[in-house]
Amino acid sequence: MRKFLTFFTVLTLSSLQYSEACTNIIVTPGASRDGSSMVSYAADSHTLYGELYFSPASRFKPGSMLAIREWDTNKPLGEIPQVPSTFQTVGNMNEYQLVIAETTWGGREELYDDKAIMDYGSLIYITLQRARTAREAIDTIVELANTYGYASSGETFSIADPQEAWIMDLVGKGPGNKGIVWVARRIPDGYICAHANQARITTFPLDDPDNCLYAPDVVEFAREMGWFSGEDEDFSFRDAYNPLNFGGARGCEARVWSAFNILCDGVFTFTQDGQLCSRPADDYLDYAMGYELDSEMPLFVKPSRKLTMKDVADVMRDHFEGTPMDMTTDIGAGGNALPYRWRPMEFEWEGKTYVNERAIATQQTGFWFVAQSRGSLPREVGALLWFGCDDAATSYLTPVYVNTGEIPECLAVGNGDMLHYSPTSQFWICNRVANACYKMYDQMAPVARKAADEFETYQMETAIPRMDGILAGMIERGKTAKARRMMTEYTVSTAMDQFASWVRLEELLLVKFIDGNVKAQAEDGSFLHSEYSEGIPEGLTQPGYTDRWKAAVVRDNGALLEVK
């Protein structure tokens, strides 16, 4: 029976607007076409500015200290001893091809420790500076949190290197209990995983250290708190520390379901009790929509094909198209099929509460990426970060070699912020394009999407493979310094050229769609004009509104508007 469940955890639909409501997809080497591990991440927040963090490899004198500031707020939290040397990091990836991303799920309020030093953002970026592999990263995260205290709420981390990919759920132990309880599971090779602001690990193997790691007290601590009383093998991390409710399903697990649905072509193939099983994705639709929470969705699934970077990137542009939650088809989409609902995420009308859907693609993305750990290439070349800003559906990903010596100006930290516009910032030009599209989405967004598709496809299929070959050859001949200069030049010039093309795209959108009109273009992109003037459009059309909107207007005010 379909029913709405009571909200009893910190993370409800309404609270998502204040948290880092993000989405991750994790792809193992055996599930990708080129044998790379991949992690995608949309850093979604109404206050996060899109820029590309850069920390060159460094050495430090004994006694050096590292100041810790909360990633979300920049609030000073304290300081910790610095290590003798650190690795280069660009965004959420380091020079050894280690990737770490996250989604926040809150969890039980009493587990938050406001006296601790290490927030989740600091855990990510400090670990990237200190760890080479996914397993080293897990050890480093645990050591940092247990030593200095964990200053955030519940998190799920994506952690991948060229050989392995892991999902890790963790949460603090509250005031007076320094550290975290956690569990990490290795994603079987050939499978994928995803998470979106809801703890995803339920039961897990207790004696399989090759594939599952966990805090020694993860079960006992839940017993002490009164959240679990069964046998150890029946313990579920999610049920103890982040119990699933309607908000966790509809606002969070629905995004996981949609990613799996797309990448598995509507059939979830997974391993259960040692047996390979297949079930239609629709069998889990009521679960994803929050109506039936007993039919637990698989943690790992096999994609229907070997995945490319573009496959993963395009899933990050999803609005539930073609499903019952399709955001382009109901009356909330307005007259031009806009797949966004302004916050808050729920609203009340005549005593009932309703949801505004939360899809993977969203208007409040600060930055997003698809990171590739490519073990088939030399280490210096293999770390590749496809990086973008703002709404994934109307923006583009530019390729960044993580061993670059420089960050493009359009992505540099300090080039603008959320309160200060910069005409040379990728974040701001992508916002200008996106916000232009929102007024006439069904007409304008396809133009932006086509431009992004052409750029990303060319880079993925032609330009990057060619550059990889050149760089790998240089590395093999011992010309590492020259290779790094070349990858820096390529990273910077490609990003800046594409930034310039997006400036031109915004100009095109303004001219082509001004005032609800659509101006016709020739195959070469030039505007059609009358035979008497190059400044007067020829073939101008006025597409109007969707049929759903017309019907709604007639129902609302048809008697007054009807032509007699």
Protein backbone atom coordinates (compact mmCIF):
# COMPACT_ATOMS: atom_id res chain seq x y z
CA MET A 1 0.00 0.00 0.00
CA ARG A 2 1.29 3.46 -0.86
CA LYS A 3 1.63 5.74 2.14
CA PHE A 4 3.69 8.69 3.30
CA LEU A 5 6.01 7.99 6.22
CA THR A 6 6.76 10.19 9.19
CA PHE A 7 9.93 12.31 9.02
CA PHE A 8 12.06 11.38 12.05
CA THR A 9 15.66 11.91 11.01
CA VAL A 10 17.62 15.10 10.51
CA LEU A 11 17.49 14.88 6.71
CA THR A 12 13.98 15.58 5.48
CA LEU A 13 13.01 17.06 2.15
CA SER A 14 12.86 20.56 3.59
CA SER A 15 16.28 20.33 5.23
CA LEU A 16 17.98 19.38 1.96
CA GLN A 17 17.95 23.03 0.91
CA TYR A 18 20.40 23.84 3.69
CA SER A 19 22.69 20.82 3.40
CA GLU A 20 25.20 19.84 0.75
CA ALA A 21 22.60 17.93 -1.29
CA CYS A 22 24.89 16.17 -3.76
CA THR A 23 24.95 13.14 -6.06
CA ASN A 24 27.79 10.65 -6.76
CA ILE A 25 28.13 7.80 -9.27
CA ILE A 26 31.01 5.31 -8.89
CA VAL A 27 32.21 3.14 -11.78
CA THR A 28 34.74 0.32 -11.33
CA PRO A 29 37.44 -0.37 -13.96
CA GLY A 30 35.63 -3.48 -15.18
CA ALA A 31 32.47 -1.48 -15.80
CA SER A 32 34.11 1.21 -17.96
CA ARG A 33 34.96 1.05 -21.65
CA ASP A 34 38.56 2.23 -21.20
CA GLY A 35 39.25 0.34 -17.96
CA SER A 36 39.30 3.47 -15.80
CA SER A 37 37.71 3.97 -12.42
CA MET A 38 35.27 6.87 -12.56
CA VAL A 39 33.60 9.01 -9.92
CA SER A 40 31.07 11.72 -10.70
CA TYR A 41 30.13 14.43 -8.24
CA ALA A 42 27.68 17.31 -8.23
CA ALA A 43 28.54 19.65 -5.35
CA ASP A 44 25.08 21.10 -4.83
CA SER A 45 24.60 24.03 -2.49
CA HIS A 46 22.89 27.40 -2.54
CA THR A 47 26.06 29.04 -1.18
CA LEU A 48 28.92 27.11 -2.86
CA TYR A 49 30.92 28.90 -5.56
CA GLY A 50 32.25 26.86 -8.47
CA GLU A 51 36.05 27.04 -8.68
CA LEU A 52 38.87 24.54 -9.06
CA TYR A 53 41.02 24.02 -5.97
CA PHE A 54 44.76 23.62 -6.63
CA SER A 55 47.39 22.48 -4.12
CA PRO A 56 50.88 21.77 -5.57
CA ALA A 57 53.04 19.08 -3.98
CA SER A 58 54.93 20.64 -1.08
CA ARG A 59 57.47 19.98 1.67
CA PHE A 60 57.21 21.31 5.21
CA LYS A 61 59.62 21.91 8.06
CA PRO A 62 59.30 19.90 11.29
CA GLY A 63 56.79 21.50 13.62
CA SER A 64 54.70 23.04 10.82
CA MET A 65 50.98 23.27 11.53
CA LEU A 66 47.98 23.13 9.19
CA ALA A 67 45.02 25.44 9.84
CA ILE A 68 41.63 23.74 9.47
CA ARG A 69 38.63 25.70 8.22
CA GLU A 70 35.18 24.27 7.70
CA TRP A 71 34.66 23.77 3.97
CA ASP A 72 31.02 24.87 3.95
CA THR A 73 31.45 28.10 5.96
CA ASN A 74 35.19 28.92 6.13
CA LYS A 75 34.83 28.92 9.93
CA PRO A 76 38.19 28.30 11.73
CA LEU A 77 38.09 24.94 13.52
CA GLY A 78 41.66 24.61 14.80
CA GLU A 79 44.99 23.31 13.56
CA ILE A 80 46.81 20.00 13.26
CA PRO A 81 50.45 19.02 12.66
CA GLN A 82 51.47 19.13 9.01
CA VAL A 83 53.13 16.08 7.41
CA PRO A 84 56.66 16.39 5.95
CA SER A 85 55.40 16.32 2.34
CA THR A 86 52.12 16.38 0.42
CA PHE A 87 50.94 15.32 -3.02
CA GLN A 88 49.58 17.62 -5.70
CA THR A 89 45.79 17.87 -5.79
CA VAL A 90 43.45 19.44 -8.30
CA GLY A 91 39.85 19.56 -7.15
CA ASN A 92 38.89 16.20 -5.67
CA MET A 93 41.74 14.21 -7.27
CA ASN A 94 45.46 13.87 -6.66
CA GLU A 95 48.51 13.12 -8.76
CA TYR A 96 48.33 9.39 -7.86
CA GLN A 97 44.85 9.20 -9.44
CA LEU A 98 43.06 8.97 -6.10
CA VAL A 99 39.55 10.46 -6.15
CA ILE A 100 37.33 11.30 -3.18
CA ALA A 101 33.81 12.76 -3.39
CA GLU A 102 30.86 12.88 -1.00
CA THR A 103 27.18 13.33 -0.27
CA THR A 104 25.83 14.53 3.07
CA TRP A 105 23.00 12.72 4.84
CA GLY A 106 22.85 14.28 8.27
CA GLY A 107 21.74 11.40 10.46
CA ARG A 108 20.92 11.54 14.13
CA GLU A 109 21.33 14.98 15.69
CA GLU A 110 23.00 13.71 18.86
CA LEU A 111 25.99 12.44 16.86
CA TYR A 112 27.17 15.93 15.89
CA ASP A 113 30.20 17.23 17.83
CA ASP A 114 30.62 21.01 17.66
CA LYS A 115 33.97 20.86 19.50
CA ALA A 116 35.74 18.70 16.93
CA ILE A 117 38.31 19.90 14.38
CA MET A 118 37.94 17.78 11.22
CA ASP A 119 34.91 18.58 9.04
CA TYR A 120 34.08 16.38 6.07
CA GLY A 121 35.57 18.76 3.49
CA SER A 122 38.87 18.90 5.35
CA LEU A 123 38.89 15.10 5.58
CA ILE A 124 38.61 14.91 1.79
CA TYR A 125 41.19 17.49 0.79
CA ILE A 126 43.76 16.64 3.47
CA THR A 127 43.46 12.93 2.67
CA LEU A 128 44.05 13.64 -1.01
CA GLN A 129 47.31 15.35 -0.06
CA ARG A 130 48.47 12.37 2.01
CA ALA A 131 47.17 9.11 0.50
CA ARG A 132 48.06 7.27 -2.71
CA THR A 133 45.38 4.56 -2.88
CA ALA A 134 41.76 4.06 -1.91
CA ARG A 135 42.69 1.83 1.03
CA GLU A 136 45.26 4.35 2.23
CA ALA A 137 42.56 7.00 1.95
CA ILE A 138 40.18 5.04 4.17
CA ASP A 139 42.92 4.60 6.78
CA THR A 140 43.80 8.31 6.62
CA ILE A 141 40.18 9.45 6.94
CA VAL A 142 39.67 7.25 9.98
CA GLU A 143 42.93 8.33 11.60
CA LEU A 144 42.22 12.04 11.10
CA ALA A 145 38.65 11.83 12.39
CA ASN A 146 39.53 9.67 15.37
CA THR A 147 42.54 11.79 16.33
CA TYR A 148 41.06 15.27 16.00
CA GLY A 149 37.32 14.65 16.23
CA TYR A 150 34.71 14.77 13.48
CA ALA A 151 32.99 18.13 13.09
CA SER A 152 30.26 17.29 10.53
CA SER A 153 27.12 15.19 10.27
CA GLY A 154 26.72 11.89 8.41
CA GLU A 155 28.49 11.45 5.07
CA THR A 156 28.93 8.94 2.30
CA PHE A 157 32.30 9.06 0.52
CA SER A 158 33.18 7.79 -2.96
CA ILE A 159 36.83 6.68 -2.95
CA ALA A 160 38.57 5.33 -6.05
CA ASP A 161 42.03 4.68 -7.49
CA PRO A 162 43.04 3.03 -10.79
CA GLN A 163 42.40 -0.48 -9.41
CA GLU A 164 39.58 -0.22 -6.86
CA ALA A 165 36.47 1.79 -6.00
CA TRP A 166 34.85 1.98 -2.57
CA ILE A 167 31.78 3.45 -0.91
CA MET A 168 32.16 4.55 2.72
CA ASP A 169 29.40 5.58 5.14
CA LEU A 170 30.51 7.45 8.26
CA VAL A 171 29.11 9.56 11.09
CA GLY A 172 30.44 11.07 14.30
CA LYS A 173 29.86 9.67 17.79
CA GLY A 174 28.68 12.87 19.43
CA PRO A 175 30.10 15.13 22.16
CA GLY A 176 32.49 13.32 24.46
CA ASN A 177 32.99 10.42 22.01
CA LYS A 178 35.77 11.57 19.70
CA GLY A 179 35.88 9.96 16.28
CA ILE A 180 33.57 8.17 13.86
CA VAL A 181 31.66 4.95 13.34
CA TRP A 182 31.90 3.81 9.76
CA VAL A 183 31.81 1.03 7.20
CA ALA A 184 33.43 0.87 3.76
CA ARG A 185 32.64 -1.63 1.02
CA ARG A 186 34.65 -2.33 -2.13
CA ILE A 187 32.46 -2.22 -5.21
CA PRO A 188 32.86 -5.52 -7.11
CA ASP A 189 34.75 -5.02 -10.36
CA GLY A 190 32.35 -4.73 -13.26
CA TYR A 191 29.70 -3.09 -11.09
CA ILE A 192 28.66 0.48 -10.34
CA CYS A 193 27.33 2.23 -7.26
CA ALA A 194 25.67 5.57 -6.51
CA HIS A 195 24.63 7.63 -3.49
CA ALA A 196 22.70 10.84 -2.95
CA ASN A 197 22.36 12.16 0.62
CA GLN A 198 21.18 8.92 2.21
CA ALA A 199 23.38 6.31 3.89
CA ARG A 200 23.39 3.33 1.52
CA ILE A 201 25.21 0.50 3.33
CA THR A 202 22.81 -1.74 5.24
CA THR A 203 24.10 -5.17 6.33
CA PHE A 204 27.69 -6.03 5.45
CA PRO A 205 30.15 -8.96 5.73
CA LEU A 206 31.93 -9.01 9.09
CA ASP A 207 34.87 -11.20 8.02
CA ASP A 208 35.93 -10.13 4.53
CA PRO A 209 38.70 -7.51 4.89
CA ASP A 210 39.50 -7.63 1.18
CA ASN A 211 36.06 -6.23 0.41
CA CYS A 212 34.68 -4.71 3.61
CA LEU A 213 36.26 -2.58 6.34
CA TYR A 214 34.54 -1.06 9.36
CA ALA A 215 35.04 0.56 12.75
CA PRO A 216 35.61 -2.01 15.54
CA ASP A 217 32.77 -0.49 17.57
CA VAL A 218 30.31 0.22 14.73
CA VAL A 219 27.83 -2.39 16.04
CA GLU A 220 28.51 -2.00 19.77
CA PHE A 221 28.11 1.78 19.68
CA ALA A 222 24.66 1.39 18.10
CA ARG A 223 23.76 -1.07 20.86
CA GLU A 224 24.89 1.36 23.53
CA MET A 225 22.75 4.10 22.00
CA GLY A 226 19.71 1.84 21.87
CA TRP A 227 19.48 1.75 18.07
CA PHE A 228 20.17 -1.96 17.57
CA SER A 229 19.58 -5.11 19.61
CA GLY A 230 19.89 -8.05 17.22
CA GLU A 231 22.70 -10.39 16.15
CA ASP A 232 25.86 -8.80 14.76
CA GLU A 233 25.35 -10.31 11.30
CA ASP A 234 21.93 -8.63 11.09
CA PHE A 235 23.27 -5.16 11.84
CA SER A 236 22.42 -2.48 9.24
CA PHE A 237 24.51 0.69 9.30
CA ARG A 238 21.84 2.71 7.53
CA ASP A 239 19.01 1.56 9.77
CA ALA A 240 20.98 2.37 12.91
CA TYR A 241 22.51 5.70 12.00
CA ASN A 242 20.34 7.13 9.18
CA PRO A 243 16.95 5.36 9.16
CA LEU A 244 15.24 5.62 5.80
CA ASN A 245 12.01 7.59 5.60
CA PHE A 246 9.89 9.17 2.86
CA GLY A 247 12.25 12.15 2.52
CA GLY A 248 15.32 9.95 2.30
CA ALA A 249 13.71 7.86 -0.42
CA ARG A 250 11.97 10.50 -2.54
CA GLY A 251 14.58 13.24 -2.18
CA CYS A 252 17.67 11.00 -2.25
CA GLU A 253 17.32 7.32 -3.16
CA ALA A 254 15.17 8.34 -6.15
CA ARG A 255 18.28 9.87 -7.71
CA VAL A 256 20.21 6.63 -7.21
CA TRP A 257 17.33 4.70 -8.75
CA SER A 258 17.29 7.01 -11.76
CA ALA A 259 21.06 6.71 -12.33
CA PHE A 260 20.83 2.92 -12.14
CA ASN A 261 17.76 2.92 -14.39
CA ILE A 262 19.60 4.84 -17.11
CA LEU A 263 22.93 3.01 -16.93
CA CYS A 264 21.29 -0.42 -16.68
CA ASP A 265 18.67 0.17 -19.39
CA GLY A 266 15.83 -0.49 -17.00
CA VAL A 267 17.05 -3.83 -15.59
CA PHE A 268 18.96 -4.10 -12.30
CA THR A 269 21.43 -6.98 -12.33
CA PHE A 270 23.06 -7.66 -8.96
CA THR A 271 24.41 -10.40 -6.71
CA GLN A 272 22.24 -11.63 -3.84
CA ASP A 273 23.22 -14.53 -1.56
CA GLY A 274 25.92 -15.48 -4.04
CA GLN A 275 23.49 -15.66 -6.97
CA LEU A 276 23.25 -13.31 -9.95
CA CYS A 277 19.78 -11.79 -10.08
CA SER A 278 17.97 -9.49 -12.50
CA ARG A 279 14.86 -7.43 -11.77
CA PRO A 280 13.14 -4.63 -13.69
CA ALA A 281 14.01 -1.19 -12.37
CA ASP A 282 10.29 -0.54 -12.03
CA ASP A 283 10.17 -3.15 -9.25
CA TYR A 284 11.96 -0.55 -7.11
CA LEU A 285 9.98 2.48 -8.28
CA ASP A 286 7.62 2.55 -5.29
CA TYR A 287 10.69 2.31 -3.05
CA ALA A 288 12.37 5.25 -4.82
CA MET A 289 9.19 7.32 -4.60
CA GLY A 290 8.93 6.72 -0.86
CA TYR A 291 5.74 4.66 -0.97
CA GLU A 292 7.15 1.22 -0.10
CA LEU A 293 10.44 1.14 1.80
CA ASP A 294 10.64 -2.61 2.44
CA SER A 295 11.93 -3.53 -1.04
CA GLU A 296 15.52 -2.41 -0.49
CA MET A 297 17.38 -1.31 -3.63
CA PRO A 298 20.69 -3.05 -4.46
CA LEU A 299 23.90 -1.35 -3.34
CA PHE A 300 25.80 -2.48 -6.45
CA VAL A 301 24.45 -3.16 -9.97
CA LYS A 302 25.96 -4.18 -13.31
CA PRO A 303 25.54 -1.62 -16.11
CA SER A 304 24.04 -2.85 -19.35
CA ARG A 305 27.17 -1.84 -21.26
CA LYS A 306 30.74 -0.69 -20.69
CA LEU A 307 30.44 2.94 -19.72
CA THR A 308 32.24 5.98 -21.09
CA MET A 309 32.92 9.28 -19.39
CA LYS A 310 30.12 10.77 -21.49
CA ASP A 311 27.65 8.13 -20.30
CA VAL A 312 28.33 9.11 -16.71
CA ALA A 313 28.35 12.84 -17.42
CA ASP A 314 24.98 12.66 -19.15
CA VAL A 315 23.39 10.85 -16.19
CA MET A 316 24.39 13.86 -14.11
CA ARG A 317 22.04 15.86 -16.38
CA ASP A 318 18.97 13.79 -15.53
CA HIS A 319 15.57 15.21 -14.47
CA PHE A 320 13.73 11.87 -14.21
CA GLU A 321 12.78 12.15 -17.89
CA GLY A 322 10.51 9.30 -19.00
CA THR A 323 9.58 8.23 -15.45
CA PRO A 324 6.58 9.04 -13.24
CA MET A 325 8.73 11.71 -11.56
CA ASP A 326 9.55 13.43 -14.87
CA MET A 327 9.96 17.10 -13.98
CA THR A 328 9.28 18.35 -17.52
CA THR A 329 5.70 17.14 -17.83
CA ASP A 330 3.56 18.27 -14.88
CA ILE A 331 2.08 21.73 -14.47
CA GLY A 332 4.98 22.72 -12.22
CA ALA A 333 7.13 22.82 -15.36
CA GLY A 334 5.20 25.88 -16.56
CA GLY A 335 4.58 26.61 -20.19
CA ASN A 336 8.05 25.67 -21.43
CA ALA A 337 8.76 22.32 -19.69
CA LEU A 338 11.20 23.70 -17.10
CA PRO A 339 12.55 20.71 -15.09
CA TYR A 340 13.27 22.75 -11.95
CA ARG A 341 11.33 23.70 -8.85
CA TRP A 342 12.55 26.60 -6.77
CA ARG A 343 13.10 25.84 -3.11
CA PRO A 344 11.84 24.92 -0.56
CA MET A 345 11.54 21.25 -1.46
CA GLU A 346 8.03 20.90 -0.11
CA PHE A 347 4.97 23.12 0.06
CA GLU A 348 1.62 23.10 1.83
CA TRP A 349 -1.80 23.64 0.34
CA GLU A 350 -5.16 23.28 2.05
CA GLY A 351 -3.72 21.32 4.94
CA LYS A 352 -1.63 18.85 2.91
CA THR A 353 2.10 18.77 2.21
CA TYR A 354 3.53 18.15 -1.27
CA VAL A 355 7.03 17.70 -2.66
CA ASN A 356 9.04 19.56 -5.22
CA GLU A 357 11.02 16.79 -6.91
CA ARG A 358 14.79 16.69 -6.47
CA ALA A 359 16.54 15.26 -9.54
CA ILE A 360 20.25 14.69 -10.16
CA ALA A 361 20.61 17.87 -12.22
CA THR A 362 19.69 20.91 -10.19
CA GLN A 363 19.93 24.67 -10.39
CA GLN A 364 22.08 25.15 -7.28
CA THR A 365 25.17 23.16 -8.32
CA GLY A 366 28.43 24.91 -7.40
CA PHE A 367 30.68 22.62 -9.41
CA TRP A 368 30.47 19.11 -10.84
CA PHE A 369 32.90 16.65 -12.36
CA VAL A 370 33.64 13.20 -13.69
CA ALA A 371 37.07 12.01 -12.51
CA GLN A 372 38.90 9.24 -14.36
CA SER A 373 41.66 7.14 -12.79
CA ARG A 374 43.25 5.57 -15.85
CA GLY A 375 45.64 2.84 -14.81
CA SER A 376 46.54 1.95 -18.39
CA LEU A 377 48.47 5.23 -18.73
CA PRO A 378 51.57 6.49 -16.93
CA ARG A 379 50.67 7.87 -13.50
CA GLU A 380 51.49 11.42 -14.54
CA VAL A 381 49.02 11.24 -17.43
CA GLY A 382 46.31 8.96 -16.06
CA ALA A 383 44.71 11.37 -13.59
CA LEU A 384 42.07 13.27 -15.58
CA LEU A 385 39.36 15.48 -14.13
CA TRP A 386 36.47 16.60 -16.34
CA PHE A 387 35.32 19.72 -14.49
CA GLY A 388 32.28 21.97 -14.82
CA CYS A 389 30.36 24.69 -12.99
CA ASP A 390 26.69 25.25 -12.20
CA ASP A 391 23.71 23.28 -13.52
CA ALA A 392 25.01 20.16 -15.27
CA ALA A 393 22.16 20.14 -17.79
CA THR A 394 23.19 23.42 -19.43
CA SER A 395 26.93 23.51 -18.73
CA TYR A 396 29.98 21.65 -20.03
CA LEU A 397 32.90 19.64 -18.67
CA THR A 398 36.41 20.71 -19.60
CA PRO A 399 39.29 18.19 -19.29
CA VAL A 400 41.93 18.98 -16.66
CA TYR A 401 45.13 16.94 -16.33
CA VAL A 402 45.70 16.70 -12.57
CA ASN A 403 49.48 17.01 -13.03
CA THR A 404 48.99 20.41 -14.61
CA GLY A 405 51.24 23.18 -13.35
CA GLU A 406 48.55 25.84 -13.58
CA ILE A 407 44.79 26.32 -13.28
CA PRO A 408 42.91 28.23 -16.02
CA GLU A 409 41.91 31.77 -15.05
CA CYS A 410 38.23 30.98 -15.63
CA LEU A 411 38.40 28.33 -12.87
CA ALA A 412 40.96 29.90 -10.53
CA VAL A 413 40.13 30.26 -6.84
CA GLY A 414 39.36 33.90 -6.07
CA ASN A 415 38.07 34.78 -9.53
CA GLY A 416 34.71 35.99 -8.23
CA ASP A 417 32.51 34.50 -5.52
CA MET A 418 28.82 34.10 -4.73
CA LEU A 419 28.46 37.81 -3.97
CA HIS A 420 30.86 39.25 -6.54
CA TYR A 421 30.39 38.79 -10.28
CA SER A 422 33.41 38.17 -12.50
CA PRO A 423 33.16 38.38 -16.31
CA THR A 424 36.11 35.97 -16.60
CA SER A 425 34.62 33.23 -14.37
CA GLN A 426 33.31 29.93 -15.74
CA PHE A 427 30.86 29.72 -12.84
CA TRP A 428 29.26 33.03 -13.73
CA ILE A 429 29.05 32.49 -17.50
CA CYS A 430 27.50 29.04 -16.95
CA ASN A 431 24.97 30.64 -14.61
CA ARG A 432 24.18 33.28 -17.22
CA VAL A 433 23.52 30.58 -19.83
CA ALA A 434 21.48 28.44 -17.42
CA ASN A 435 19.34 31.30 -16.15
CA ALA A 436 18.71 32.41 -19.72
CA CYS A 437 17.49 28.90 -20.56
CA TYR A 438 15.13 28.75 -17.59
CA LYS A 439 12.76 31.30 -19.17
CA MET A 440 12.12 29.23 -22.32
CA TYR A 441 13.63 25.87 -21.45
CA ASP A 442 12.22 23.53 -24.09
CA GLN A 443 13.52 25.85 -26.83
CA MET A 444 16.79 27.15 -25.37
CA ALA A 445 18.26 24.31 -23.30
CA PRO A 446 18.67 21.98 -26.32
CA VAL A 447 20.92 24.62 -27.92
CA ALA A 448 23.20 24.71 -24.87
CA ARG A 449 23.13 20.92 -24.54
CA LYS A 450 24.10 20.44 -28.19
CA ALA A 451 27.09 22.76 -27.73
CA ALA A 452 28.20 20.88 -24.60
CA ASP A 453 27.75 17.49 -26.29
CA GLU A 454 29.83 18.47 -29.30
CA PHE A 455 32.66 19.79 -27.13
CA GLU A 456 32.72 16.84 -24.70
CA THR A 457 32.44 14.21 -27.44
CA TYR A 458 35.27 15.73 -29.44
CA GLN A 459 37.49 15.94 -26.38
CA MET A 460 36.69 12.40 -25.20
CA GLU A 461 36.90 10.64 -28.56
CA THR A 462 39.56 12.63 -30.42
CA ALA A 463 41.52 15.35 -28.62
CA ILE A 464 42.26 13.66 -25.28
CA PRO A 465 43.30 10.28 -26.76
CA ARG A 466 45.65 12.12 -29.10
CA MET A 467 47.12 14.19 -26.26
CA ASP A 468 47.37 11.10 -24.02
CA GLY A 469 49.49 9.36 -26.65
CA ILE A 470 51.85 12.31 -27.00
CA LEU A 471 52.22 12.74 -23.24
CA ALA A 472 52.70 9.02 -22.55
CA GLY A 473 55.42 8.88 -25.20
CA MET A 474 57.24 11.79 -23.56
CA ILE A 475 57.03 10.14 -20.13
CA GLU A 476 58.42 6.88 -21.52
CA ARG A 477 61.36 8.79 -23.00
CA GLY A 478 62.08 10.44 -19.65
CA LYS A 479 60.79 13.87 -20.69
CA THR A 480 58.43 14.28 -17.74
CA ALA A 481 59.03 18.01 -17.29
CA LYS A 482 58.25 18.69 -20.94
CA ALA A 483 55.15 16.49 -20.73
CA ARG A 484 53.92 18.43 -17.73
CA ARG A 485 54.40 21.73 -19.54
CA MET A 486 52.42 20.39 -22.48
CA MET A 487 49.56 19.06 -20.34
CA THR A 488 49.44 22.41 -18.55
CA GLU A 489 49.23 24.28 -21.85
CA TYR A 490 46.52 21.92 -23.09
CA THR A 491 44.48 22.13 -19.88
CA VAL A 492 44.61 25.93 -19.77
CA SER A 493 44.08 26.65 -23.46
CA THR A 494 41.21 24.16 -23.81
CA ALA A 495 39.40 25.57 -20.77
CA MET A 496 39.86 29.18 -21.84
CA ASP A 497 38.82 28.51 -25.46
CA GLN A 498 35.67 26.76 -24.30
CA PHE A 499 34.96 29.55 -21.82
CA ALA A 500 35.10 32.02 -24.73
CA SER A 501 32.71 29.82 -26.72
CA TRP A 502 30.25 29.87 -23.82
CA VAL A 503 30.38 33.67 -23.76
CA ARG A 504 29.43 33.57 -27.43
CA LEU A 505 26.71 31.01 -26.66
CA GLU A 506 25.05 33.38 -24.21
CA GLU A 507 25.06 36.08 -26.87
CA LEU A 508 23.51 33.65 -29.33
CA LEU A 509 20.76 32.69 -26.88
CA LEU A 510 19.92 36.35 -26.29
CA VAL A 511 19.72 37.20 -29.98
CA LYS A 512 17.99 34.01 -31.10
CA PHE A 513 15.30 33.82 -28.39
CA ILE A 514 14.65 37.42 -27.43
CA ASP A 515 11.06 38.15 -26.28
CA GLY A 516 9.79 34.61 -26.82
CA ASN A 517 10.62 34.54 -30.52
CA VAL A 518 12.87 32.04 -32.26
CA LYS A 519 15.02 33.32 -35.12
CA ALA A 520 15.87 30.90 -37.92
CA GLN A 521 19.49 29.98 -38.71
CA ALA A 522 21.23 28.58 -41.75
CA GLU A 523 23.34 25.42 -41.55
CA ASP A 524 26.47 27.52 -40.97
CA GLY A 525 24.83 29.16 -37.93
CA SER A 526 24.18 32.54 -39.52
CA PHE A 527 20.75 34.08 -39.01
CA LEU A 528 18.34 34.15 -41.93
CA HIS A 529 17.42 37.67 -42.94
CA SER A 530 15.12 39.40 -45.41
CA GLU A 531 16.28 40.21 -48.92
CA TYR A 532 16.13 43.91 -48.10
CA SER A 533 18.10 44.06 -44.85
CA GLU A 534 20.66 41.91 -43.03
CA GLY A 535 19.21 43.23 -39.77
CA ILE A 536 15.62 42.03 -40.26
CA PRO A 537 14.93 38.36 -39.42
CA GLU A 538 13.44 35.98 -41.94
CA GLY A 539 11.58 32.84 -40.84
CA LEU A 540 10.98 34.00 -37.28
CA THR A 541 8.67 31.67 -35.29
CA GLN A 542 6.78 31.87 -32.00
CA PRO A 543 6.50 28.38 -30.48
CA GLY A 544 4.27 29.42 -27.57
CA TYR A 545 3.59 26.98 -24.74
CA THR A 546 3.22 23.26 -24.10
CA ASP A 547 -0.17 21.56 -24.48
CA ARG A 548 -0.20 20.76 -20.75
CA TRP A 549 0.11 24.46 -19.98
CA LYS A 550 -2.56 25.46 -22.49
CA ALA A 551 -4.98 22.99 -20.93
CA ALA A 552 -4.26 24.33 -17.45
CA VAL A 553 -4.82 27.92 -18.55
CA VAL A 554 -8.14 26.95 -20.13
CA ARG A 555 -9.23 25.14 -16.93
CA ASP A 556 -8.27 28.16 -14.86
CA ASN A 557 -9.63 30.99 -16.98
CA GLY A 558 -11.03 29.54 -20.21
CA ALA A 559 -14.41 31.24 -20.02
CA LEU A 560 -12.78 34.66 -20.09
CA LEU A 561 -10.14 33.83 -22.69
CA GLU A 562 -12.26 31.88 -25.20
CA VAL A 563 -12.51 33.48 -28.62
CA LYS A 564 -16.20 34.00 -29.55
